[in-house]
Amino acid sequence: MGILAGKQILVTGVLTDSSIAFHIAKIAQEEGAEIVLSSFGRAMSITQRIATRLPKTAPVIELDVSNKEHLANLASEVKKHLSGLDGLVHSIGFAPEAALGGNFLNTEWEDVATALHVSAYSFKSLSMAALPLFGESGSIVGLDFDATVAWPKYDWMGVAKAALESTSRYLARDLGPRNIRVNLVAAGPIKTMAAKSIPGFEEFESVWNERAPLKWDVSDPTPAAQATVALLSDWFPKTTAEIIHVDGGVHGMGA
């Protein structure tokens, strides 16, 4: 019996088998959960192919978190595969190229708005779309990157992550009466498809190589995935509004 035995979980953000979300889905299945994945657009076929690499091929539903119709139909789409939800993983983030790479002072609002909508507001909109699927309790976990400092070239995505962190606290406040826990896992840098879109990603890698008390491997998403699965389980029944750092300890070190 795994720690997620009998749980039903929706995992967003699976694109390649190097993504944290893929490893969350993999470990969740190994721990006994039934999983549904989401994707949209041209990425659908990629996610469907990657889903076959899981211990058990998972169904993939279409979900663009900026599309109101997709959100409105989420419950009915999930119910084609699961009877409900016990857990939800938000592994979604995007910022236009103009919002990254040292262009902070020149980024136009339209690009900032996109970053905030997809990377932060969607945590609320996705949670609310999934809410009818939850029973007497549940766990919602989002993937984060430490937003307490300004990172090189991370720019408006850093602002979006700060908004994500604040959003998680308000969600925890308002969903607590439904016995739904809301937490974030702030992972260190991982070489994923999303990371490739961040200009100067190698600068993050050098920071972790120099400052992590625990050796950090940018090619290993397993520690962050394991923490997420733990938060989805019943082993943290009274933990909410928390940010669990899985970054080798860098967040606690001075410059």
C-alpha atoms as a PDB file:
ATOM      1  CA  MET A   1       0.000   0.000   0.000  1.00  0.00           C
ATOM      2  CA  GLY A   2       1.515   3.289  -1.111  1.00  0.00           C
ATOM      3  CA  ILE A   3       0.914   6.645   0.549  1.00  0.00           C
ATOM      4  CA  LEU A   4      -1.487   7.631  -2.249  1.00  0.00           C
ATOM      5  CA  ALA A   5      -3.431   4.391  -2.392  1.00  0.00           C
ATOM      6  CA  GLY A   6      -6.965   5.110  -3.576  1.00  0.00           C
ATOM      7  CA  LYS A   7      -6.242   8.762  -4.394  1.00  0.00           C
ATOM      8  CA  GLN A   8      -7.322  10.382  -7.669  1.00  0.00           C
ATOM      9  CA  ILE A   9      -5.103  13.204  -8.881  1.00  0.00           C
ATOM     10  CA  LEU A  10      -4.965  15.636 -11.787  1.00  0.00           C
ATOM     11  CA  VAL A  11      -1.423  16.565 -12.799  1.00  0.00           C
ATOM     12  CA  THR A  12      -0.862  19.523 -15.127  1.00  0.00           C
ATOM     13  CA  GLY A  13       2.333  20.504 -16.866  1.00  0.00           C
ATOM     14  CA  VAL A  14       3.652  17.194 -18.213  1.00  0.00           C
ATOM     15  CA  LEU A  15       5.468  17.883 -21.470  1.00  0.00           C
ATOM     16  CA  THR A  16       8.599  15.723 -21.439  1.00  0.00           C
ATOM     17  CA  ASP A  17       9.852  12.941 -19.193  1.00  0.00           C
ATOM     18  CA  SER A  18      12.390  15.386 -17.753  1.00  0.00           C
ATOM     19  CA  SER A  19       9.673  17.605 -16.294  1.00  0.00           C
ATOM     20  CA  ILE A  20       8.982  17.685 -12.576  1.00  0.00           C
ATOM     21  CA  ALA A  21       5.309  17.049 -13.342  1.00  0.00           C
ATOM     22  CA  PHE A  22       6.129  13.798 -15.153  1.00  0.00           C
ATOM     23  CA  HIS A  23       8.047  12.535 -12.152  1.00  0.00           C
ATOM     24  CA  ILE A  24       5.220  13.598  -9.831  1.00  0.00           C
ATOM     25  CA  ALA A  25       2.794  11.547 -11.932  1.00  0.00           C
ATOM     26  CA  LYS A  26       5.200   8.595 -12.031  1.00  0.00           C
ATOM     27  CA  ILE A  27       5.821   8.518  -8.285  1.00  0.00           C
ATOM     28  CA  ALA A  28       2.135   9.132  -7.546  1.00  0.00           C
ATOM     29  CA  GLN A  29       1.214   6.073  -9.608  1.00  0.00           C
ATOM     30  CA  GLU A  30       3.899   4.026  -7.871  1.00  0.00           C
ATOM     31  CA  GLU A  31       2.343   5.115  -4.572  1.00  0.00           C
ATOM     32  CA  GLY A  32      -1.101   3.897  -5.626  1.00  0.00           C
ATOM     33  CA  ALA A  33      -2.811   6.932  -7.193  1.00  0.00           C
ATOM     34  CA  GLU A  34      -4.965   7.086 -10.296  1.00  0.00           C
ATOM     35  CA  ILE A  35      -3.722   9.908 -12.495  1.00  0.00           C
ATOM     36  CA  VAL A  36      -5.123  12.152 -15.211  1.00  0.00           C
ATOM     37  CA  LEU A  37      -2.828  14.528 -17.088  1.00  0.00           C
ATOM     38  CA  SER A  38      -3.675  17.746 -18.912  1.00  0.00           C
ATOM     39  CA  SER A  39      -2.235  19.494 -21.934  1.00  0.00           C
ATOM     40  CA  PHE A  40      -3.488  21.613 -24.819  1.00  0.00           C
ATOM     41  CA  GLY A  41      -2.893  22.653 -28.394  1.00  0.00           C
ATOM     42  CA  ARG A  42       0.077  21.244 -30.225  1.00  0.00           C
ATOM     43  CA  ALA A  43       1.487  19.917 -26.960  1.00  0.00           C
ATOM     44  CA  MET A  44      -1.409  17.447 -26.609  1.00  0.00           C
ATOM     45  CA  SER A  45       0.161  14.841 -28.862  1.00  0.00           C
ATOM     46  CA  ILE A  46       3.507  15.190 -27.056  1.00  0.00           C
ATOM     47  CA  THR A  47       1.918  14.731 -23.633  1.00  0.00           C
ATOM     48  CA  GLN A  48      -0.086  11.739 -24.873  1.00  0.00           C
ATOM     49  CA  ARG A  49       3.106  10.118 -26.095  1.00  0.00           C
ATOM     50  CA  ILE A  50       4.968  10.872 -22.858  1.00  0.00           C
ATOM     51  CA  ALA A  51       2.028   9.493 -20.856  1.00  0.00           C
ATOM     52  CA  THR A  52       2.820   6.035 -22.235  1.00  0.00           C
ATOM     53  CA  ARG A  53       6.168   6.165 -20.412  1.00  0.00           C
ATOM     54  CA  LEU A  54       4.469   6.204 -17.025  1.00  0.00           C
ATOM     55  CA  PRO A  55       4.122   2.928 -15.102  1.00  0.00           C
ATOM     56  CA  LYS A  56       0.496   2.986 -16.292  1.00  0.00           C
ATOM     57  CA  THR A  57      -0.507   5.048 -19.333  1.00  0.00           C
ATOM     58  CA  ALA A  58      -2.523   8.011 -18.069  1.00  0.00           C
ATOM     59  CA  PRO A  59      -5.367   9.701 -19.957  1.00  0.00           C
ATOM     60  CA  VAL A  60      -4.764  13.262 -21.134  1.00  0.00           C
ATOM     61  CA  ILE A  61      -7.481  15.908 -21.125  1.00  0.00           C
ATOM     62  CA  GLU A  62      -7.298  19.251 -22.924  1.00  0.00           C
ATOM     63  CA  LEU A  63      -6.866  22.222 -20.591  1.00  0.00           C
ATOM     64  CA  ASP A  64      -5.623  25.704 -21.380  1.00  0.00           C
ATOM     65  CA  VAL A  65      -5.802  27.536 -18.036  1.00  0.00           C
ATOM     66  CA  SER A  66      -6.327  30.864 -19.804  1.00  0.00           C
ATOM     67  CA  ASN A  67      -9.386  29.498 -21.645  1.00  0.00           C
ATOM     68  CA  LYS A  68     -12.645  30.021 -19.724  1.00  0.00           C
ATOM     69  CA  GLU A  69     -14.431  27.297 -21.678  1.00  0.00           C
ATOM     70  CA  HIS A  70     -11.738  24.748 -20.849  1.00  0.00           C
ATOM     71  CA  LEU A  71     -11.990  25.643 -17.156  1.00  0.00           C
ATOM     72  CA  ALA A  72     -15.782  25.436 -17.240  1.00  0.00           C
ATOM     73  CA  ASN A  73     -15.576  21.949 -18.781  1.00  0.00           C
ATOM     74  CA  LEU A  74     -12.801  20.670 -16.530  1.00  0.00           C
ATOM     75  CA  ALA A  75     -15.010  18.752 -14.113  1.00  0.00           C
ATOM     76  CA  SER A  76     -16.882  16.938 -16.869  1.00  0.00           C
ATOM     77  CA  GLU A  77     -13.636  16.085 -18.678  1.00  0.00           C
ATOM     78  CA  VAL A  78     -12.022  14.674 -15.544  1.00  0.00           C
ATOM     79  CA  LYS A  79     -15.151  12.649 -14.765  1.00  0.00           C
ATOM     80  CA  LYS A  80     -14.706  10.772 -18.024  1.00  0.00           C
ATOM     81  CA  HIS A  81     -11.744   9.074 -16.330  1.00  0.00           C
ATOM     82  CA  LEU A  82     -12.072   9.542 -12.557  1.00  0.00           C
ATOM     83  CA  SER A  83     -15.008   9.699 -10.153  1.00  0.00           C
ATOM     84  CA  GLY A  84     -13.562  12.776  -8.452  1.00  0.00           C
ATOM     85  CA  LEU A  85     -10.341  14.310  -7.184  1.00  0.00           C
ATOM     86  CA  ASP A  86      -8.293  14.026  -4.013  1.00  0.00           C
ATOM     87  CA  GLY A  87      -5.376  16.037  -5.344  1.00  0.00           C
ATOM     88  CA  LEU A  88      -4.409  18.642  -7.920  1.00  0.00           C
ATOM     89  CA  VAL A  89      -0.925  19.578  -9.124  1.00  0.00           C
ATOM     90  CA  HIS A  90      -0.383  23.009 -10.663  1.00  0.00           C
ATOM     91  CA  SER A  91       2.841  22.856 -12.653  1.00  0.00           C
ATOM     92  CA  ILE A  92       2.171  25.738 -15.010  1.00  0.00           C
ATOM     93  CA  GLY A  93       4.197  28.831 -15.787  1.00  0.00           C
ATOM     94  CA  PHE A  94       4.845  31.004 -18.786  1.00  0.00           C
ATOM     95  CA  ALA A  95       6.259  34.427 -19.533  1.00  0.00           C
ATOM     96  CA  PRO A  96       6.737  35.931 -23.004  1.00  0.00           C
ATOM     97  CA  GLU A  97      10.311  36.367 -24.158  1.00  0.00           C
ATOM     98  CA  ALA A  98      10.036  40.131 -23.655  1.00  0.00           C
ATOM     99  CA  ALA A  99       9.367  39.587 -19.942  1.00  0.00           C
ATOM    100  CA  LEU A 100      12.645  37.731 -19.363  1.00  0.00           C
ATOM    101  CA  GLY A 101      16.344  38.091 -20.008  1.00  0.00           C
ATOM    102  CA  GLY A 102      17.168  41.434 -18.383  1.00  0.00           C
ATOM    103  CA  ASN A 103      14.390  43.408 -20.063  1.00  0.00           C
ATOM    104  CA  PHE A 104      12.556  44.144 -16.798  1.00  0.00           C
ATOM    105  CA  LEU A 105      12.412  47.923 -17.145  1.00  0.00           C
ATOM    106  CA  ASN A 106      11.173  47.822 -20.728  1.00  0.00           C
ATOM    107  CA  THR A 107       8.553  45.056 -20.564  1.00  0.00           C
ATOM    108  CA  GLU A 108       5.094  46.177 -21.673  1.00  0.00           C
ATOM    109  CA  TRP A 109       2.005  45.467 -19.579  1.00  0.00           C
ATOM    110  CA  GLU A 110       0.555  43.037 -22.129  1.00  0.00           C
ATOM    111  CA  ASP A 111       3.527  40.719 -21.632  1.00  0.00           C
ATOM    112  CA  VAL A 112       3.449  41.162 -17.850  1.00  0.00           C
ATOM    113  CA  ALA A 113      -0.282  40.425 -17.833  1.00  0.00           C
ATOM    114  CA  THR A 114       0.303  37.170 -19.714  1.00  0.00           C
ATOM    115  CA  ALA A 115       2.965  36.074 -17.237  1.00  0.00           C
ATOM    116  CA  LEU A 116       0.749  36.868 -14.246  1.00  0.00           C
ATOM    117  CA  HIS A 117      -2.352  35.267 -15.757  1.00  0.00           C
ATOM    118  CA  VAL A 118      -0.751  31.979 -16.757  1.00  0.00           C
ATOM    119  CA  SER A 119       1.729  31.642 -13.896  1.00  0.00           C
ATOM    120  CA  ALA A 120      -0.215  32.976 -10.888  1.00  0.00           C
ATOM    121  CA  TYR A 121      -3.906  33.706 -11.482  1.00  0.00           C
ATOM    122  CA  SER A 122      -4.295  30.247 -13.010  1.00  0.00           C
ATOM    123  CA  PHE A 123      -3.549  28.721  -9.592  1.00  0.00           C
ATOM    124  CA  LYS A 124      -6.831  30.213  -8.393  1.00  0.00           C
ATOM    125  CA  SER A 125      -8.840  29.623 -11.561  1.00  0.00           C
ATOM    126  CA  LEU A 126      -7.690  26.006 -11.883  1.00  0.00           C
ATOM    127  CA  SER A 127      -8.363  25.314  -8.213  1.00  0.00           C
ATOM    128  CA  MET A 128     -11.879  26.717  -8.505  1.00  0.00           C
ATOM    129  CA  ALA A 129     -12.563  24.738 -11.677  1.00  0.00           C
ATOM    130  CA  ALA A 130     -11.488  21.559  -9.885  1.00  0.00           C
ATOM    131  CA  LEU A 131     -13.307  22.348  -6.634  1.00  0.00           C
ATOM    132  CA  PRO A 132     -16.578  20.514  -7.516  1.00  0.00           C
ATOM    133  CA  LEU A 133     -14.539  17.323  -7.944  1.00  0.00           C
ATOM    134  CA  PHE A 134     -13.223  17.284  -4.375  1.00  0.00           C
ATOM    135  CA  GLY A 135     -14.976  15.379  -1.614  1.00  0.00           C
ATOM    136  CA  GLU A 136     -14.542  15.880   2.121  1.00  0.00           C
ATOM    137  CA  SER A 137     -10.853  16.758   1.832  1.00  0.00           C
ATOM    138  CA  GLY A 138      -8.120  17.372  -0.690  1.00  0.00           C
ATOM    139  CA  SER A 139      -4.660  18.688  -1.422  1.00  0.00           C
ATOM    140  CA  ILE A 140      -3.575  21.236  -4.015  1.00  0.00           C
ATOM    141  CA  VAL A 141       0.132  21.625  -4.681  1.00  0.00           C
ATOM    142  CA  GLY A 142       1.813  24.178  -6.945  1.00  0.00           C
ATOM    143  CA  LEU A 143       5.364  24.260  -8.270  1.00  0.00           C
ATOM    144  CA  ASP A 144       7.276  27.388  -7.318  1.00  0.00           C
ATOM    145  CA  PHE A 145      10.711  29.007  -7.595  1.00  0.00           C
ATOM    146  CA  ASP A 146      11.900  31.084  -4.633  1.00  0.00           C
ATOM    147  CA  ALA A 147      10.528  34.613  -5.072  1.00  0.00           C
ATOM    148  CA  THR A 148      12.066  36.258  -2.014  1.00  0.00           C
ATOM    149  CA  VAL A 149      14.959  37.689  -4.016  1.00  0.00           C
ATOM    150  CA  ALA A 150      15.579  39.081  -7.507  1.00  0.00           C
ATOM    151  CA  TRP A 151      17.255  36.489  -9.725  1.00  0.00           C
ATOM    152  CA  PRO A 152      19.422  37.291 -12.765  1.00  0.00           C
ATOM    153  CA  LYS A 153      17.280  37.631 -15.907  1.00  0.00           C
ATOM    154  CA  TYR A 154      14.223  36.008 -14.275  1.00  0.00           C
ATOM    155  CA  ASP A 155      12.512  39.397 -14.277  1.00  0.00           C
ATOM    156  CA  TRP A 156       8.704  39.317 -14.546  1.00  0.00           C
ATOM    157  CA  MET A 157       8.553  35.569 -14.046  1.00  0.00           C
ATOM    158  CA  GLY A 158      10.019  36.269 -10.613  1.00  0.00           C
ATOM    159  CA  VAL A 159       7.203  38.747 -10.002  1.00  0.00           C
ATOM    160  CA  ALA A 160       4.710  36.135 -11.193  1.00  0.00           C
ATOM    161  CA  LYS A 161       6.148  33.594  -8.759  1.00  0.00           C
ATOM    162  CA  ALA A 162       5.783  36.122  -5.927  1.00  0.00           C
ATOM    163  CA  ALA A 163       2.140  36.485  -6.970  1.00  0.00           C
ATOM    164  CA  LEU A 164       1.806  32.685  -7.025  1.00  0.00           C
ATOM    165  CA  GLU A 165       3.102  32.491  -3.463  1.00  0.00           C
ATOM    166  CA  SER A 166       0.625  35.110  -2.273  1.00  0.00           C
ATOM    167  CA  THR A 167      -2.204  33.439  -4.199  1.00  0.00           C
ATOM    168  CA  SER A 168      -1.458  30.137  -2.466  1.00  0.00           C
ATOM    169  CA  ARG A 169      -1.872  31.731   0.954  1.00  0.00           C
ATOM    170  CA  TYR A 170      -5.238  33.258   0.089  1.00  0.00           C
ATOM    171  CA  LEU A 171      -6.394  29.977  -1.430  1.00  0.00           C
ATOM    172  CA  ALA A 172      -5.323  28.178   1.730  1.00  0.00           C
ATOM    173  CA  ARG A 173      -7.386  30.653   3.764  1.00  0.00           C
ATOM    174  CA  ASP A 174     -10.518  30.334   1.656  1.00  0.00           C
ATOM    175  CA  LEU A 175     -10.390  26.589   0.930  1.00  0.00           C
ATOM    176  CA  GLY A 176      -9.428  25.585   4.457  1.00  0.00           C
ATOM    177  CA  PRO A 177     -13.080  25.397   5.579  1.00  0.00           C
ATOM    178  CA  ARG A 178     -13.544  22.764   2.832  1.00  0.00           C
ATOM    179  CA  ASN A 179     -10.624  20.824   4.369  1.00  0.00           C
ATOM    180  CA  ILE A 180      -8.556  21.426   1.241  1.00  0.00           C
ATOM    181  CA  ARG A 181      -4.880  22.077   1.832  1.00  0.00           C
ATOM    182  CA  VAL A 182      -2.930  24.407  -0.469  1.00  0.00           C
ATOM    183  CA  ASN A 183       0.866  24.336  -0.525  1.00  0.00           C
ATOM    184  CA  LEU A 184       3.799  25.055  -2.810  1.00  0.00           C
ATOM    185  CA  VAL A 185       7.041  23.231  -3.503  1.00  0.00           C
ATOM    186  CA  ALA A 186       9.822  25.687  -4.296  1.00  0.00           C
ATOM    187  CA  ALA A 187      12.251  23.608  -6.309  1.00  0.00           C
ATOM    188  CA  GLY A 188      15.792  24.479  -7.183  1.00  0.00           C
ATOM    189  CA  PRO A 189      16.689  24.820 -10.873  1.00  0.00           C
ATOM    190  CA  ILE A 190      15.938  21.746 -12.975  1.00  0.00           C
ATOM    191  CA  LYS A 191      16.874  21.334 -16.646  1.00  0.00           C
ATOM    192  CA  THR A 192      13.367  21.055 -18.057  1.00  0.00           C
ATOM    193  CA  MET A 193      11.776  22.309 -21.250  1.00  0.00           C
ATOM    194  CA  ALA A 194      10.563  25.365 -19.328  1.00  0.00           C
ATOM    195  CA  ALA A 195      14.077  26.080 -18.074  1.00  0.00           C
ATOM    196  CA  LYS A 196      15.376  26.177 -21.626  1.00  0.00           C
ATOM    197  CA  SER A 197      13.171  29.218 -22.263  1.00  0.00           C
ATOM    198  CA  ILE A 198      14.874  31.183 -19.473  1.00  0.00           C
ATOM    199  CA  PRO A 199      17.815  33.203 -20.829  1.00  0.00           C
ATOM    200  CA  GLY A 200      20.973  32.640 -18.793  1.00  0.00           C
ATOM    201  CA  PHE A 201      19.714  29.503 -17.054  1.00  0.00           C
ATOM    202  CA  GLU A 202      23.321  28.451 -16.555  1.00  0.00           C
ATOM    203  CA  GLU A 203      23.687  31.326 -14.068  1.00  0.00           C
ATOM    204  CA  PHE A 204      21.190  29.571 -11.790  1.00  0.00           C
ATOM    205  CA  GLU A 205      23.194  26.383 -12.066  1.00  0.00           C
ATOM    206  CA  SER A 206      26.388  28.123 -11.004  1.00  0.00           C
ATOM    207  CA  VAL A 207      24.667  29.686  -7.964  1.00  0.00           C
ATOM    208  CA  TRP A 208      23.481  26.265  -6.786  1.00  0.00           C
ATOM    209  CA  ASN A 209      26.863  24.678  -7.405  1.00  0.00           C
ATOM    210  CA  GLU A 210      28.477  27.295  -5.176  1.00  0.00           C
ATOM    211  CA  ARG A 211      25.876  27.748  -2.426  1.00  0.00           C
ATOM    212  CA  ALA A 212      23.849  24.564  -1.910  1.00  0.00           C
ATOM    213  CA  PRO A 213      24.773  22.872   1.414  1.00  0.00           C
ATOM    214  CA  LEU A 214      23.307  19.666  -0.016  1.00  0.00           C
ATOM    215  CA  LYS A 215      24.711  18.817  -3.431  1.00  0.00           C
ATOM    216  CA  TRP A 216      22.203  19.872  -6.100  1.00  0.00           C
ATOM    217  CA  ASP A 217      21.732  18.027  -9.396  1.00  0.00           C
ATOM    218  CA  VAL A 218      19.965  20.150 -12.029  1.00  0.00           C
ATOM    219  CA  SER A 219      19.159  17.008 -14.015  1.00  0.00           C
ATOM    220  CA  ASP A 220      17.272  15.291 -11.166  1.00  0.00           C
ATOM    221  CA  PRO A 221      13.617  16.316 -10.653  1.00  0.00           C
ATOM    222  CA  THR A 222      12.941  13.430  -8.263  1.00  0.00           C
ATOM    223  CA  PRO A 223      13.413  15.275  -4.918  1.00  0.00           C
ATOM    224  CA  ALA A 224      10.873  17.972  -5.858  1.00  0.00           C
ATOM    225  CA  ALA A 225       8.490  15.307  -7.153  1.00  0.00           C
ATOM    226  CA  GLN A 226       8.786  13.282  -3.949  1.00  0.00           C
ATOM    227  CA  ALA A 227       7.993  16.354  -1.832  1.00  0.00           C
ATOM    228  CA  THR A 228       4.928  17.057  -3.961  1.00  0.00           C
ATOM    229  CA  VAL A 229       3.677  13.495  -3.596  1.00  0.00           C
ATOM    230  CA  ALA A 230       4.185  13.704   0.164  1.00  0.00           C
ATOM    231  CA  LEU A 231       2.046  16.860   0.302  1.00  0.00           C
ATOM    232  CA  LEU A 232      -0.639  15.135  -1.766  1.00  0.00           C
ATOM    233  CA  SER A 233      -0.757  12.311   0.771  1.00  0.00           C
ATOM    234  CA  ASP A 234      -2.458  12.211   4.166  1.00  0.00           C
ATOM    235  CA  TRP A 235       0.869  12.590   5.939  1.00  0.00           C
ATOM    236  CA  PHE A 236       0.512  16.410   6.109  1.00  0.00           C
ATOM    237  CA  PRO A 237      -3.107  16.688   7.311  1.00  0.00           C
ATOM    238  CA  LYS A 238      -2.716  20.079   9.000  1.00  0.00           C
ATOM    239  CA  THR A 239      -0.147  21.715   6.725  1.00  0.00           C
ATOM    240  CA  THR A 240      -1.441  24.468   4.472  1.00  0.00           C
ATOM    241  CA  ALA A 241      -0.268  27.871   3.198  1.00  0.00           C
ATOM    242  CA  GLU A 242       3.260  26.459   3.313  1.00  0.00           C
ATOM    243  CA  ILE A 243       6.188  26.688   0.905  1.00  0.00           C
ATOM    244  CA  ILE A 244       8.384  23.598   1.078  1.00  0.00           C
ATOM    245  CA  HIS A 245      11.835  24.382  -0.281  1.00  0.00           C
ATOM    246  CA  VAL A 246      13.454  21.528  -2.168  1.00  0.00           C
ATOM    247  CA  ASP A 247      16.548  23.375  -3.323  1.00  0.00           C
ATOM    248  CA  GLY A 248      19.484  21.835  -1.498  1.00  0.00           C
ATOM    249  CA  GLY A 249      19.232  24.555   1.145  1.00  0.00           C
ATOM    250  CA  VAL A 250      20.154  27.538  -1.027  1.00  0.00           C
ATOM    251  CA  HIS A 251      17.149  29.561   0.175  1.00  0.00           C
ATOM    252  CA  GLY A 252      18.617  29.612   3.684  1.00  0.00           C
ATOM    253  CA  MET A 253      22.140  30.682   2.752  1.00  0.00           C
ATOM    254  CA  GLY A 254      23.481  34.236   2.679  1.00  0.00           C
ATOM    255  CA  ALA A 255      25.267  35.660  -0.340  1.00  0.00           C
END
